[in-house]
C-alpha cells in the first residue's frame, strides 16, 4: 500500500516538471509542484485530473494537425525520400565541376595535380 501512492506521486511530480507553463491549468506550475508534494495522495490525483491541458489525439490536436503532410513516426534516413533527394541535390554541383575538368585532362591540359608550370 505504500508503493502505489509513492509511484503515483513520483509520476505526477515528473509529469508536472516536464509540462510547460502554458499547458498548466488553474494554478502556476510551482503551485502544482507544492500541491503534489505536500498533499501526498490527493495532490497527484488532482494534478492528473485537473492540472494539465490534455491533448485529445482524436480531436486533431496532435503533431499531425501541425504538419498535415508529414509522417507520424520516425523514418530512417535511407527510407526518407526528402533525405535521399537532398543527397542527389548535393551531388549535382560536384558532378558538374568534375564534368568541366574532364575535357582538359583528356586533351593533355593541365590539372590541379600537375607539378610543372605551364610553358608559353
Protein backbone atom coordinates (compact mmCIF):
# COMPACT_ATOMS: atom_id res chain seq x y z
CA UNK A 1 0.00 0.00 0.00
CA UNK A 2 3.00 2.28 0.27
CA UNK A 3 4.42 1.70 -3.24
CA UNK A 4 1.35 2.67 -5.31
CA UNK A 5 0.88 6.18 -3.81
CA UNK A 6 4.64 6.74 -3.94
CA UNK A 7 4.77 5.74 -7.62
CA UNK A 8 1.76 7.96 -8.37
CA UNK A 9 3.41 10.89 -6.61
CA UNK A 10 6.68 10.40 -8.47
CA UNK A 11 4.87 10.10 -11.82
CA UNK A 12 2.78 13.24 -11.19
CA UNK A 13 5.82 15.18 -9.98
CA UNK A 14 7.86 14.32 -13.08
CA UNK A 15 4.87 14.97 -15.34
CA UNK A 16 4.39 18.38 -13.73
CA UNK A 17 8.06 19.28 -14.13
CA UNK A 18 8.03 18.26 -17.80
CA UNK A 19 4.86 20.21 -18.56
CA UNK A 20 5.31 23.70 -19.98
CA UNK A 21 3.92 26.69 -18.11
CA UNK A 22 1.38 27.29 -20.91
CA UNK A 23 -0.10 23.79 -20.52
CA UNK A 24 -0.80 24.04 -16.79
CA UNK A 25 -4.36 24.91 -15.80
CA UNK A 26 -5.83 26.89 -12.90
CA UNK A 27 -2.56 27.49 -10.97
CA UNK A 28 1.08 28.31 -11.71
CA UNK A 29 3.40 25.38 -12.19
CA UNK A 30 5.26 25.94 -8.91
CA UNK A 31 1.95 25.79 -7.00
CA UNK A 32 1.19 22.43 -8.63
CA UNK A 33 4.60 21.12 -7.56
CA UNK A 34 3.89 22.08 -3.94
CA UNK A 35 0.39 20.55 -4.07
CA UNK A 36 1.76 17.28 -5.44
CA UNK A 37 4.47 17.06 -2.82
CA UNK A 38 2.52 18.32 0.23
CA UNK A 39 -0.78 16.51 -0.32
CA UNK A 40 0.71 13.10 -0.86
CA UNK A 41 -2.19 11.07 -2.30
CA UNK A 42 -4.73 13.74 -3.22
CA UNK A 43 -2.24 16.12 -4.90
CA UNK A 44 -1.10 13.75 -7.67
CA UNK A 45 -4.69 12.72 -8.41
CA UNK A 46 -5.81 16.35 -8.65
CA UNK A 47 -2.84 17.11 -10.94
CA UNK A 48 -3.69 14.22 -13.25
CA UNK A 49 -7.37 15.15 -13.39
CA UNK A 50 -7.36 18.95 -13.45
CA UNK A 51 -3.83 20.32 -13.57
CA UNK A 52 -2.76 19.86 -17.16
CA UNK A 53 -4.21 20.56 -20.58
CA UNK A 54 -4.54 17.10 -22.09
CA UNK A 55 -4.49 16.95 -25.87
CA UNK A 56 -7.02 14.61 -27.40
CA UNK A 57 -5.44 12.56 -30.19
CA UNK A 58 -8.76 12.03 -31.96
CA UNK A 59 -9.54 15.74 -31.80
CA UNK A 60 -6.66 16.63 -34.08
CA UNK A 61 -4.50 18.41 -31.54
CA UNK A 62 -1.52 16.15 -32.13
CA UNK A 63 1.51 16.58 -34.37
CA UNK A 64 -0.45 15.53 -37.45
CA UNK A 65 -2.56 18.70 -37.28
CA UNK A 66 0.59 20.88 -37.21
CA UNK A 67 2.07 19.35 -40.34
CA UNK A 68 -0.62 17.52 -42.29
CA UNK A 69 1.69 16.12 -44.97
CA UNK A 70 4.31 14.75 -42.57
CA UNK A 71 4.63 11.19 -41.33
CA UNK A 72 3.74 10.46 -37.72
CA UNK A 73 6.62 8.12 -37.00
CA UNK A 74 10.37 8.48 -37.18
CA UNK A 75 11.74 7.35 -40.54
CA UNK A 76 15.24 6.02 -41.10
CA UNK A 77 17.34 8.22 -43.42
CA UNK A 78 17.61 5.56 -46.11
CA UNK A 79 13.78 5.33 -46.23
CA UNK A 80 13.16 9.08 -46.12
CA UNK A 81 12.51 10.44 -49.65
CA UNK A 82 13.31 14.02 -48.60
CA UNK A 83 16.73 12.99 -47.29
CA UNK A 84 17.53 10.95 -50.41
CA UNK A 85 16.53 13.89 -52.62
CA UNK A 86 18.84 16.19 -50.65
CA UNK A 87 21.73 13.77 -51.29
CA UNK A 88 21.05 13.90 -55.01
CA UNK A 89 20.94 17.69 -54.90
CA UNK A 90 24.29 17.77 -53.07
CA UNK A 91 25.92 15.58 -55.70
CA UNK A 92 24.82 17.67 -58.71
CA UNK A 93 27.25 20.60 -58.23
CA UNK A 94 30.11 18.19 -57.58
CA UNK A 95 29.30 16.15 -60.70
CA UNK A 96 29.10 19.32 -62.81
CA UNK A 97 32.51 20.50 -61.57
CA UNK A 98 34.07 17.14 -62.39
CA UNK A 99 32.49 17.19 -65.84
CA UNK A 100 34.09 20.60 -66.56
CA UNK A 101 37.57 19.38 -65.55
CA UNK A 102 37.39 16.15 -67.54
CA UNK A 103 37.88 17.53 -71.12
CA UNK A 104 41.06 19.37 -70.10
CA UNK A 105 42.55 16.19 -68.70
CA UNK A 106 41.80 14.17 -71.83
CA UNK A 107 43.39 16.80 -74.11
CA UNK A 108 46.63 16.78 -72.17
CA UNK A 109 45.96 20.10 -70.49
CA UNK A 110 46.97 20.97 -67.01
CA UNK A 111 45.19 19.73 -63.98
CA UNK A 112 45.50 20.77 -60.36
CA UNK A 113 47.73 17.72 -59.79
CA UNK A 114 50.45 18.82 -62.28
CA UNK A 115 53.70 19.90 -60.64
CA UNK A 116 55.25 21.69 -63.64
CA UNK A 117 54.21 25.24 -64.53
CA UNK A 118 52.65 25.75 -67.96
CA UNK A 119 55.04 26.75 -70.79
CA UNK A 120 54.32 29.58 -73.21
